């Protein structure tokens, strides 16, 4: 299992599964994170949290603890 939070900046990955449940799972889906989507990791903040990703032409910042619920391939 590979997690989005472990992807280095510059990497493009495909989302395999969002494992969060409840409100967090719904929030991640509402933000546009769903299986099959290709995501590019743009950068990490100076202290590594949050990370910035690019999805369908827009940029999104996620905490690493939230990105731990996104499995990638």
PDB file of N, CA and C in Angstrom:
ATOM      1  N   UNK A   1       0.846  -1.177   0.000  1.00  0.00           N
ATOM      2  CA  UNK A   1       0.000   0.000   0.000  1.00  0.00           C
ATOM      3  C   UNK A   1       0.890   1.238   0.000  1.00  0.00           C
ATOM      4  N   UNK A   2       0.676   2.107  -0.965  1.00  0.00           N
ATOM      5  CA  UNK A   2       1.414   3.355  -1.072  1.00  0.00           C
ATOM      6  C   UNK A   2       0.438   4.502  -0.807  1.00  0.00           C
ATOM      7  N   UNK A   3       0.882   5.484  -0.033  1.00  0.00           N
ATOM      8  CA  UNK A   3       0.015   6.585   0.358  1.00  0.00           C
ATOM      9  C   UNK A   3       0.411   7.878  -0.338  1.00  0.00           C
ATOM     10  N   UNK A   4      -0.565   8.724  -0.579  1.00  0.00           N
ATOM     11  CA  UNK A   4      -0.326  10.018  -1.206  1.00  0.00           C
ATOM     12  C   UNK A   4       0.633  10.861  -0.377  1.00  0.00           C
ATOM     13  N   UNK A   5       0.568  10.759   0.921  1.00  0.00           N
ATOM     14  CA  UNK A   5       1.420  11.575   1.796  1.00  0.00           C
ATOM     15  C   UNK A   5       2.905  11.260   1.638  1.00  0.00           C
ATOM     16  N   UNK A   6       3.243  10.105   1.096  1.00  0.00           N
ATOM     17  CA  UNK A   6       4.646   9.692   0.922  1.00  0.00           C
ATOM     18  C   UNK A   6       5.198  10.020  -0.459  1.00  0.00           C
ATOM     19  N   UNK A   7       4.385  10.614  -1.328  1.00  0.00           N
ATOM     20  CA  UNK A   7       4.810  10.943  -2.689  1.00  0.00           C
ATOM     21  C   UNK A   7       5.676  12.197  -2.681  1.00  0.00           C
ATOM     22  N   UNK A   8       6.844  12.163  -3.294  1.00  0.00           N
ATOM     23  CA  UNK A   8       7.711  13.351  -3.318  1.00  0.00           C
ATOM     24  C   UNK A   8       7.179  14.417  -4.278  1.00  0.00           C
ATOM     25  N   UNK A   9       7.523  15.677  -4.055  1.00  0.00           N
ATOM     26  CA  UNK A   9       7.097  16.745  -4.965  1.00  0.00           C
ATOM     27  C   UNK A   9       7.560  16.468  -6.396  1.00  0.00           C
ATOM     28  N   UNK A  10       6.693  16.783  -7.356  1.00  0.00           N
ATOM     29  CA  UNK A  10       6.985  16.545  -8.758  1.00  0.00           C
ATOM     30  C   UNK A  10       6.412  15.248  -9.274  1.00  0.00           C
ATOM     31  N   UNK A  11       5.978  14.380  -8.377  1.00  0.00           N
ATOM     32  CA  UNK A  11       5.459  13.084  -8.795  1.00  0.00           C
ATOM     33  C   UNK A  11       3.990  13.145  -9.178  1.00  0.00           C
ATOM     34  N   UNK A  12       3.636  12.410 -10.213  1.00  0.00           N
ATOM     35  CA  UNK A  12       2.236  12.259 -10.621  1.00  0.00           C
ATOM     36  C   UNK A  12       1.808  10.838 -10.320  1.00  0.00           C
ATOM     37  N   UNK A  13       0.662  10.702  -9.687  1.00  0.00           N
ATOM     38  CA  UNK A  13       0.175   9.389  -9.268  1.00  0.00           C
ATOM     39  C   UNK A  13      -1.311   9.267  -9.574  1.00  0.00           C
ATOM     40  N   UNK A  14      -1.789   8.052  -9.580  1.00  0.00           N
ATOM     41  CA  UNK A  14      -3.204   7.773  -9.783  1.00  0.00           C
ATOM     42  C   UNK A  14      -3.800   7.315  -8.454  1.00  0.00           C
ATOM     43  N   UNK A  15      -4.955   7.844  -8.105  1.00  0.00           N
ATOM     44  CA  UNK A  15      -5.610   7.459  -6.851  1.00  0.00           C
ATOM     45  C   UNK A  15      -6.233   6.083  -7.026  1.00  0.00           C
ATOM     46  N   UNK A  16      -5.899   5.192  -6.107  1.00  0.00           N
ATOM     47  CA  UNK A  16      -6.422   3.835  -6.132  1.00  0.00           C
ATOM     48  C   UNK A  16      -7.681   3.725  -5.272  1.00  0.00           C
ATOM     49  N   UNK A  17      -7.627   4.342  -4.066  1.00  0.00           N
ATOM     50  CA  UNK A  17      -8.736   4.216  -3.125  1.00  0.00           C
ATOM     51  C   UNK A  17      -8.648   5.315  -2.075  1.00  0.00           C
ATOM     52  N   UNK A  18      -9.795   5.805  -1.622  1.00  0.00           N
ATOM     53  CA  UNK A  18      -9.873   6.727  -0.487  1.00  0.00           C
ATOM     54  C   UNK A  18     -10.441   5.916   0.672  1.00  0.00           C
ATOM     55  N   UNK A  19      -9.627   5.703   1.716  1.00  0.00           N
ATOM     56  CA  UNK A  19     -10.018   4.810   2.801  1.00  0.00           C
ATOM     57  C   UNK A  19     -10.692   5.505   3.973  1.00  0.00           C
ATOM     58  N   UNK A  20     -10.753   6.816   3.969  1.00  0.00           N
ATOM     59  CA  UNK A  20     -11.390   7.548   5.071  1.00  0.00           C
ATOM     60  C   UNK A  20     -12.896   7.306   5.041  1.00  0.00           C
ATOM     61  N   UNK A  21     -13.481   7.300   6.221  1.00  0.00           N
ATOM     62  CA  UNK A  21     -14.922   7.117   6.340  1.00  0.00           C
ATOM     63  C   UNK A  21     -15.531   8.322   7.038  1.00  0.00           C
ATOM     64  N   UNK A  22     -16.818   8.411   7.024  1.00  0.00           N
ATOM     65  CA  UNK A  22     -17.517   9.471   7.735  1.00  0.00           C
ATOM     66  C   UNK A  22     -17.299  10.839   7.113  1.00  0.00           C
ATOM     67  N   UNK A  23     -17.218  11.846   7.979  1.00  0.00           N
ATOM     68  CA  UNK A  23     -17.101  13.231   7.505  1.00  0.00           C
ATOM     69  C   UNK A  23     -15.812  13.474   6.729  1.00  0.00           C
ATOM     70  N   UNK A  24     -14.694  12.897   7.173  1.00  0.00           N
ATOM     71  CA  UNK A  24     -13.429  13.096   6.468  1.00  0.00           C
ATOM     72  C   UNK A  24     -13.479  12.460   5.086  1.00  0.00           C
ATOM     73  N   UNK A  25     -14.021  11.275   4.973  1.00  0.00           N
ATOM     74  CA  UNK A  25     -14.150  10.621   3.677  1.00  0.00           C
ATOM     75  C   UNK A  25     -15.011  11.433   2.728  1.00  0.00           C
ATOM     76  N   UNK A  26     -16.111  11.964   3.233  1.00  0.00           N
ATOM     77  CA  UNK A  26     -16.991  12.793   2.407  1.00  0.00           C
ATOM     78  C   UNK A  26     -16.291  14.075   1.993  1.00  0.00           C
ATOM     79  N   UNK A  27     -15.528  14.679   2.916  1.00  0.00           N
ATOM     80  CA  UNK A  27     -14.798  15.918   2.609  1.00  0.00           C
ATOM     81  C   UNK A  27     -13.772  15.688   1.498  1.00  0.00           C
ATOM     82  N   UNK A  28     -13.026  14.597   1.582  1.00  0.00           N
ATOM     83  CA  UNK A  28     -12.024  14.294   0.551  1.00  0.00           C
ATOM     84  C   UNK A  28     -12.683  14.079  -0.811  1.00  0.00           C
ATOM     85  N   UNK A  29     -13.821  13.404  -0.817  1.00  0.00           N
ATOM     86  CA  UNK A  29     -14.539  13.193  -2.076  1.00  0.00           C
ATOM     87  C   UNK A  29     -15.079  14.519  -2.605  1.00  0.00           C
ATOM     88  N   UNK A  30     -15.585  15.375  -1.723  1.00  0.00           N
ATOM     89  CA  UNK A  30     -16.096  16.684  -2.140  1.00  0.00           C
ATOM     90  C   UNK A  30     -14.988  17.562  -2.715  1.00  0.00           C
ATOM     91  N   UNK A  31     -13.761  17.390  -2.218  1.00  0.00           N
ATOM     92  CA  UNK A  31     -12.627  18.151  -2.726  1.00  0.00           C
ATOM     93  C   UNK A  31     -12.145  17.634  -4.082  1.00  0.00           C
ATOM     94  N   UNK A  32     -12.669  16.496  -4.512  1.00  0.00           N
ATOM     95  CA  UNK A  32     -12.329  15.977  -5.831  1.00  0.00           C
ATOM     96  C   UNK A  32     -11.383  14.795  -5.824  1.00  0.00           C
ATOM     97  N   UNK A  33     -11.126  14.219  -4.671  1.00  0.00           N
ATOM     98  CA  UNK A  33     -10.242  13.050  -4.596  1.00  0.00           C
ATOM     99  C   UNK A  33     -11.085  11.778  -4.705  1.00  0.00           C
ATOM    100  N   UNK A  34     -10.980  11.110  -5.828  1.00  0.00           N
ATOM    101  CA  UNK A  34     -11.738   9.886  -6.052  1.00  0.00           C
ATOM    102  C   UNK A  34     -10.888   8.907  -6.859  1.00  0.00           C
ATOM    103  N   UNK A  35     -11.196   7.616  -6.777  1.00  0.00           N
ATOM    104  CA  UNK A  35     -10.414   6.602  -7.484  1.00  0.00           C
ATOM    105  C   UNK A  35     -10.355   6.848  -8.994  1.00  0.00           C
ATOM    106  N   UNK A  36      -9.163   6.620  -9.558  1.00  0.00           N
ATOM    107  CA  UNK A  36      -8.943   6.778 -10.987  1.00  0.00           C
ATOM    108  C   UNK A  36      -8.399   8.139 -11.383  1.00  0.00           C
ATOM    109  N   UNK A  37      -8.427   9.101 -10.482  1.00  0.00           N
ATOM    110  CA  UNK A  37      -7.970  10.450 -10.765  1.00  0.00           C
ATOM    111  C   UNK A  37      -6.444  10.520 -10.720  1.00  0.00           C
ATOM    112  N   UNK A  38      -5.840  11.258 -11.652  1.00  0.00           N
ATOM    113  CA  UNK A  38      -4.398  11.486 -11.642  1.00  0.00           C
ATOM    114  C   UNK A  38      -4.121  12.793 -10.905  1.00  0.00           C
ATOM    115  N   UNK A  39      -3.191  12.736  -9.955  1.00  0.00           N
ATOM    116  CA  UNK A  39      -2.862  13.858  -9.082  1.00  0.00           C
ATOM    117  C   UNK A  39      -1.373  14.133  -9.177  1.00  0.00           C
ATOM    118  N   UNK A  40      -0.991  15.400  -9.188  1.00  0.00           N
ATOM    119  CA  UNK A  40       0.427  15.775  -9.181  1.00  0.00           C
ATOM    120  C   UNK A  40       0.741  16.450  -7.848  1.00  0.00           C
ATOM    121  N   UNK A  41       1.796  15.978  -7.184  1.00  0.00           N
ATOM    122  CA  UNK A  41       2.244  16.609  -5.944  1.00  0.00           C
ATOM    123  C   UNK A  41       3.138  17.782  -6.331  1.00  0.00           C
ATOM    124  N   UNK A  42       2.735  18.989  -5.963  1.00  0.00           N
ATOM    125  CA  UNK A  42       3.453  20.194  -6.348  1.00  0.00           C
ATOM    126  C   UNK A  42       4.576  20.494  -5.376  1.00  0.00           C
ATOM    127  N   UNK A  43       4.264  20.541  -4.077  1.00  0.00           N
ATOM    128  CA  UNK A  43       5.296  20.852  -3.075  1.00  0.00           C
ATOM    129  C   UNK A  43       4.804  20.536  -1.673  1.00  0.00           C
ATOM    130  N   UNK A  44       5.768  20.502  -0.757  1.00  0.00           N
ATOM    131  CA  UNK A  44       5.487  20.395   0.664  1.00  0.00           C
ATOM    132  C   UNK A  44       5.855  21.723   1.317  1.00  0.00           C
ATOM    133  N   UNK A  45       5.152  22.083   2.363  1.00  0.00           N
ATOM    134  CA  UNK A  45       5.489  23.296   3.105  1.00  0.00           C
ATOM    135  C   UNK A  45       6.855  23.106   3.771  1.00  0.00           C
ATOM    136  N   UNK A  46       7.509  24.189   4.195  1.00  0.00           N
ATOM    137  CA  UNK A  46       8.849  24.075   4.783  1.00  0.00           C
ATOM    138  C   UNK A  46       8.960  23.069   5.934  1.00  0.00           C
ATOM    139  N   UNK A  47       7.938  22.945   6.729  1.00  0.00           N
ATOM    140  CA  UNK A  47       7.962  21.964   7.824  1.00  0.00           C
ATOM    141  C   UNK A  47       7.217  20.687   7.449  1.00  0.00           C
ATOM    142  N   UNK A  48       7.067  20.443   6.142  1.00  0.00           N
ATOM    143  CA  UNK A  48       6.468  19.232   5.565  1.00  0.00           C
ATOM    144  C   UNK A  48       4.944  19.169   5.653  1.00  0.00           C
ATOM    145  N   UNK A  49       4.294  20.094   6.308  1.00  0.00           N
ATOM    146  CA  UNK A  49       2.846  20.019   6.400  1.00  0.00           C
ATOM    147  C   UNK A  49       2.256  21.402   6.222  1.00  0.00           C
ATOM    148  N   UNK A  50       1.353  21.666   5.349  1.00  0.00           N
ATOM    149  CA  UNK A  50       0.644  20.738   4.463  1.00  0.00           C
ATOM    150  C   UNK A  50       1.382  20.494   3.158  1.00  0.00           C
ATOM    151  N   UNK A  51       0.791  19.652   2.338  1.00  0.00           N
ATOM    152  CA  UNK A  51       1.317  19.414   1.000  1.00  0.00           C
ATOM    153  C   UNK A  51       0.349  20.034  -0.009  1.00  0.00           C
ATOM    154  N   UNK A  52       0.883  20.450  -1.148  1.00  0.00           N
ATOM    155  CA  UNK A  52       0.046  21.034  -2.188  1.00  0.00           C
ATOM    156  C   UNK A  52       0.000  20.074  -3.365  1.00  0.00           C
ATOM    157  N   UNK A  53      -1.205  19.791  -3.845  1.00  0.00           N
ATOM    158  CA  UNK A  53      -1.384  18.905  -4.984  1.00  0.00           C
ATOM    159  C   UNK A  53      -2.182  19.630  -6.066  1.00  0.00           C
ATOM    160  N   UNK A  54      -2.033  19.163  -7.297  1.00  0.00           N
ATOM    161  CA  UNK A  54      -2.790  19.716  -8.413  1.00  0.00           C
ATOM    162  C   UNK A  54      -3.775  18.670  -8.910  1.00  0.00           C
ATOM    163  N   UNK A  55      -5.041  19.081  -8.991  1.00  0.00           N
ATOM    164  CA  UNK A  55      -6.116  18.194  -9.432  1.00  0.00           C
ATOM    165  C   UNK A  55      -6.918  18.912 -10.502  1.00  0.00           C
ATOM    166  N   UNK A  56      -6.993  18.355 -11.675  1.00  0.00           N
ATOM    167  CA  UNK A  56      -7.837  18.903 -12.745  1.00  0.00           C
ATOM    168  C   UNK A  56      -7.672  20.409 -12.928  1.00  0.00           C
ATOM    169  N   UNK A  57      -6.449  20.904 -12.831  1.00  0.00           N
ATOM    170  CA  UNK A  57      -6.187  22.311 -13.083  1.00  0.00           C
ATOM    171  C   UNK A  57      -6.316  23.235 -11.886  1.00  0.00           C
ATOM    172  N   UNK A  58      -6.638  22.711 -10.715  1.00  0.00           N
ATOM    173  CA  UNK A  58      -6.660  23.561  -9.533  1.00  0.00           C
ATOM    174  C   UNK A  58      -5.741  22.982  -8.455  1.00  0.00           C
ATOM    175  N   UNK A  59      -5.357  23.820  -7.521  1.00  0.00           N
ATOM    176  CA  UNK A  59      -4.414  23.434  -6.477  1.00  0.00           C
ATOM    177  C   UNK A  59      -5.146  23.257  -5.156  1.00  0.00           C
ATOM    178  N   UNK A  60      -4.728  22.243  -4.416  1.00  0.00           N
ATOM    179  CA  UNK A  60      -5.368  21.891  -3.158  1.00  0.00           C
ATOM    180  C   UNK A  60      -4.288  21.616  -2.126  1.00  0.00           C
ATOM    181  N   UNK A  61      -4.462  22.138  -0.924  1.00  0.00           N
ATOM    182  CA  UNK A  61      -3.538  21.847   0.173  1.00  0.00           C
ATOM    183  C   UNK A  61      -4.183  20.844   1.109  1.00  0.00           C
ATOM    184  N   UNK A  62      -3.430  19.804   1.452  1.00  0.00           N
ATOM    185  CA  UNK A  62      -3.893  18.760   2.353  1.00  0.00           C
ATOM    186  C   UNK A  62      -2.878  18.555   3.463  1.00  0.00           C
ATOM    187  N   UNK A  63      -3.363  18.275   4.657  1.00  0.00           N
ATOM    188  CA  UNK A  63      -2.467  17.853   5.733  1.00  0.00           C
ATOM    189  C   UNK A  63      -2.008  16.429   5.412  1.00  0.00           C
ATOM    190  N   UNK A  64      -0.828  16.083   5.884  1.00  0.00           N
ATOM    191  CA  UNK A  64      -0.321  14.728   5.641  1.00  0.00           C
ATOM    192  C   UNK A  64      -1.223  13.691   6.301  1.00  0.00           C
ATOM    193  N   UNK A  65      -1.801  14.019   7.451  1.00  0.00           N
ATOM    194  CA  UNK A  65      -2.683  13.054   8.116  1.00  0.00           C
ATOM    195  C   UNK A  65      -3.935  12.795   7.277  1.00  0.00           C
ATOM    196  N   UNK A  66      -4.384  13.765   6.477  1.00  0.00           N
ATOM    197  CA  UNK A  66      -5.509  13.550   5.564  1.00  0.00           C
ATOM    198  C   UNK A  66      -5.057  12.758   4.343  1.00  0.00           C
ATOM    199  N   UNK A  67      -3.875  13.062   3.836  1.00  0.00           N
ATOM    200  CA  UNK A  67      -3.346  12.363   2.659  1.00  0.00           C
ATOM    201  C   UNK A  67      -3.015  10.902   2.964  1.00  0.00           C
ATOM    202  N   UNK A  68      -2.879  10.566   4.242  1.00  0.00           N
ATOM    203  CA  UNK A  68      -2.641   9.165   4.624  1.00  0.00           C
ATOM    204  C   UNK A  68      -3.830   8.269   4.291  1.00  0.00           C
ATOM    205  N   UNK A  69      -4.989   8.851   4.075  1.00  0.00           N
ATOM    206  CA  UNK A  69      -6.179   8.070   3.752  1.00  0.00           C
ATOM    207  C   UNK A  69      -6.357   7.862   2.245  1.00  0.00           C
ATOM    208  N   UNK A  70      -5.423   8.364   1.450  1.00  0.00           N
ATOM    209  CA  UNK A  70      -5.522   8.247  -0.007  1.00  0.00           C
ATOM    210  C   UNK A  70      -4.457   7.272  -0.489  1.00  0.00           C
ATOM    211  N   UNK A  71      -4.887   6.104  -0.954  1.00  0.00           N
ATOM    212  CA  UNK A  71      -3.969   5.100  -1.500  1.00  0.00           C
ATOM    213  C   UNK A  71      -3.748   5.394  -2.972  1.00  0.00           C
ATOM    214  N   UNK A  72      -2.511   5.216  -3.420  1.00  0.00           N
ATOM    215  CA  UNK A  72      -2.164   5.509  -4.805  1.00  0.00           C
ATOM    216  C   UNK A  72      -1.515   4.299  -5.469  1.00  0.00           C
ATOM    217  N   UNK A  73      -1.447   4.344  -6.791  1.00  0.00           N
ATOM    218  CA  UNK A  73      -0.739   3.285  -7.528  1.00  0.00           C
ATOM    219  C   UNK A  73       0.215   3.926  -8.513  1.00  0.00           C
TER     220      UNK A  73
END
